[in-house]
């Protein structure tokens, strides 16, 4: 965290490994295609401890950068929709 962060900031709690692990596990219960980087939840689970640690450190240090967006189009509810899927877990986005 930067020295200018207020003592009451929730950022420290939001980027903690415990919080990120809980969020990842909640997302794993959803179905979906692989992310923009091609990573499936099965592959993510294999490296999850190291990825969560690296993500937490990068977020805390302010070095995390969003990856490239993948534009996906799909049909649902009788309409054509466009969605954006960001890639989060590559070493480049973690500042490595």
Protein backbone atom coordinates (compact mmCIF):
# COMPACT_ATOMS: atom_id res chain seq x y z
CA UNK A 1 0.00 0.00 0.00
CA UNK A 2 1.21 3.48 -0.62
CA UNK A 3 2.05 5.73 2.29
CA UNK A 4 -0.81 8.06 1.31
CA UNK A 5 -3.46 5.39 1.96
CA UNK A 6 -5.84 6.33 4.74
CA UNK A 7 -5.85 4.13 7.84
CA UNK A 8 -9.54 3.42 7.36
CA UNK A 9 -9.12 2.24 3.75
CA UNK A 10 -10.75 -1.07 2.87
CA UNK A 11 -8.24 -1.67 0.09
CA UNK A 12 -5.94 -3.69 2.34
CA UNK A 13 -8.82 -6.03 3.15
CA UNK A 14 -10.05 -6.19 -0.46
CA UNK A 15 -6.67 -7.24 -1.88
CA UNK A 16 -5.86 -9.75 0.85
CA UNK A 17 -5.20 -13.34 -0.17
CA UNK A 18 -8.10 -14.63 1.92
CA UNK A 19 -10.58 -12.29 0.20
CA UNK A 20 -9.23 -13.06 -3.29
CA UNK A 21 -9.36 -16.81 -2.63
CA UNK A 22 -12.96 -16.58 -1.46
CA UNK A 23 -13.91 -14.53 -4.54
CA UNK A 24 -12.19 -17.03 -6.86
CA UNK A 25 -14.02 -19.95 -5.24
CA UNK A 26 -17.35 -18.17 -5.69
CA UNK A 27 -16.58 -17.64 -9.37
CA UNK A 28 -15.59 -21.29 -9.82
CA UNK A 29 -19.19 -22.28 -9.11
CA UNK A 30 -20.30 -20.53 -12.31
CA UNK A 31 -20.19 -22.03 -15.76
CA UNK A 32 -18.48 -20.25 -18.58
CA UNK A 33 -15.85 -20.40 -21.24
CA UNK A 34 -12.14 -19.86 -20.60
CA UNK A 35 -10.96 -16.30 -20.02
CA UNK A 36 -9.22 -14.05 -22.53
CA UNK A 37 -5.94 -15.81 -21.76
CA UNK A 38 -7.51 -19.23 -22.45
CA UNK A 39 -7.30 -20.32 -18.80
CA UNK A 40 -10.06 -22.60 -17.54
CA UNK A 41 -11.13 -22.81 -13.90
CA UNK A 42 -9.60 -26.31 -13.79
CA UNK A 43 -6.19 -24.96 -14.88
CA UNK A 44 -6.54 -21.97 -12.55
CA UNK A 45 -7.20 -24.23 -9.56
CA UNK A 46 -3.90 -26.06 -10.17
CA UNK A 47 -1.91 -22.84 -9.77
CA UNK A 48 -4.35 -20.98 -7.52
CA UNK A 49 -2.13 -20.53 -4.42
CA UNK A 50 0.71 -18.97 -6.43
CA UNK A 51 -1.64 -16.88 -8.60
CA UNK A 52 -3.57 -15.55 -5.59
CA UNK A 53 -0.32 -14.65 -3.82
CA UNK A 54 1.02 -12.88 -6.93
CA UNK A 55 -2.26 -11.06 -7.57
CA UNK A 56 -2.51 -9.89 -3.96
CA UNK A 57 1.07 -8.60 -4.05
CA UNK A 58 0.57 -6.83 -7.40
CA UNK A 59 -2.67 -5.19 -6.26
CA UNK A 60 -1.08 -4.08 -2.99
CA UNK A 61 1.94 -2.65 -4.80
CA UNK A 62 -0.18 -0.96 -7.44
CA UNK A 63 1.58 -2.82 -10.27
CA UNK A 64 -1.39 -4.85 -11.55
CA UNK A 65 -2.58 -3.88 -15.02
CA UNK A 66 -5.64 -5.22 -16.83
CA UNK A 67 -4.94 -7.61 -19.65
CA UNK A 68 -6.29 -7.38 -23.18
CA UNK A 69 -10.05 -7.61 -23.60
CA UNK A 70 -11.64 -10.41 -25.56
CA UNK A 71 -14.89 -9.37 -27.24
CA UNK A 72 -17.50 -12.12 -27.23
CA UNK A 73 -20.85 -12.04 -28.98
CA UNK A 74 -23.64 -14.39 -27.97
CA UNK A 75 -27.37 -14.89 -28.40
CA UNK A 76 -29.62 -14.88 -25.36
CA UNK A 77 -33.23 -13.98 -24.67
CA UNK A 78 -33.85 -13.54 -28.38
CA UNK A 79 -31.20 -10.83 -28.78
CA UNK A 80 -27.56 -10.59 -29.84
CA UNK A 81 -25.30 -9.44 -26.99
CA UNK A 82 -21.68 -8.36 -26.81
CA UNK A 83 -19.59 -9.03 -23.73
CA UNK A 84 -16.04 -8.10 -22.76
CA UNK A 85 -13.85 -10.66 -21.06
CA UNK A 86 -10.67 -9.26 -19.45
CA UNK A 87 -7.64 -11.47 -18.89
CA UNK A 88 -6.47 -11.13 -15.29
CA UNK A 89 -4.08 -13.93 -14.47
CA UNK A 90 -1.15 -13.68 -16.85
CA UNK A 91 2.30 -12.81 -15.49
CA UNK A 92 2.20 -9.62 -17.56
CA UNK A 93 -0.93 -8.38 -15.79
CA UNK A 94 0.54 -9.26 -12.41
CA UNK A 95 3.53 -7.03 -13.04
CA UNK A 96 5.99 -9.92 -13.25
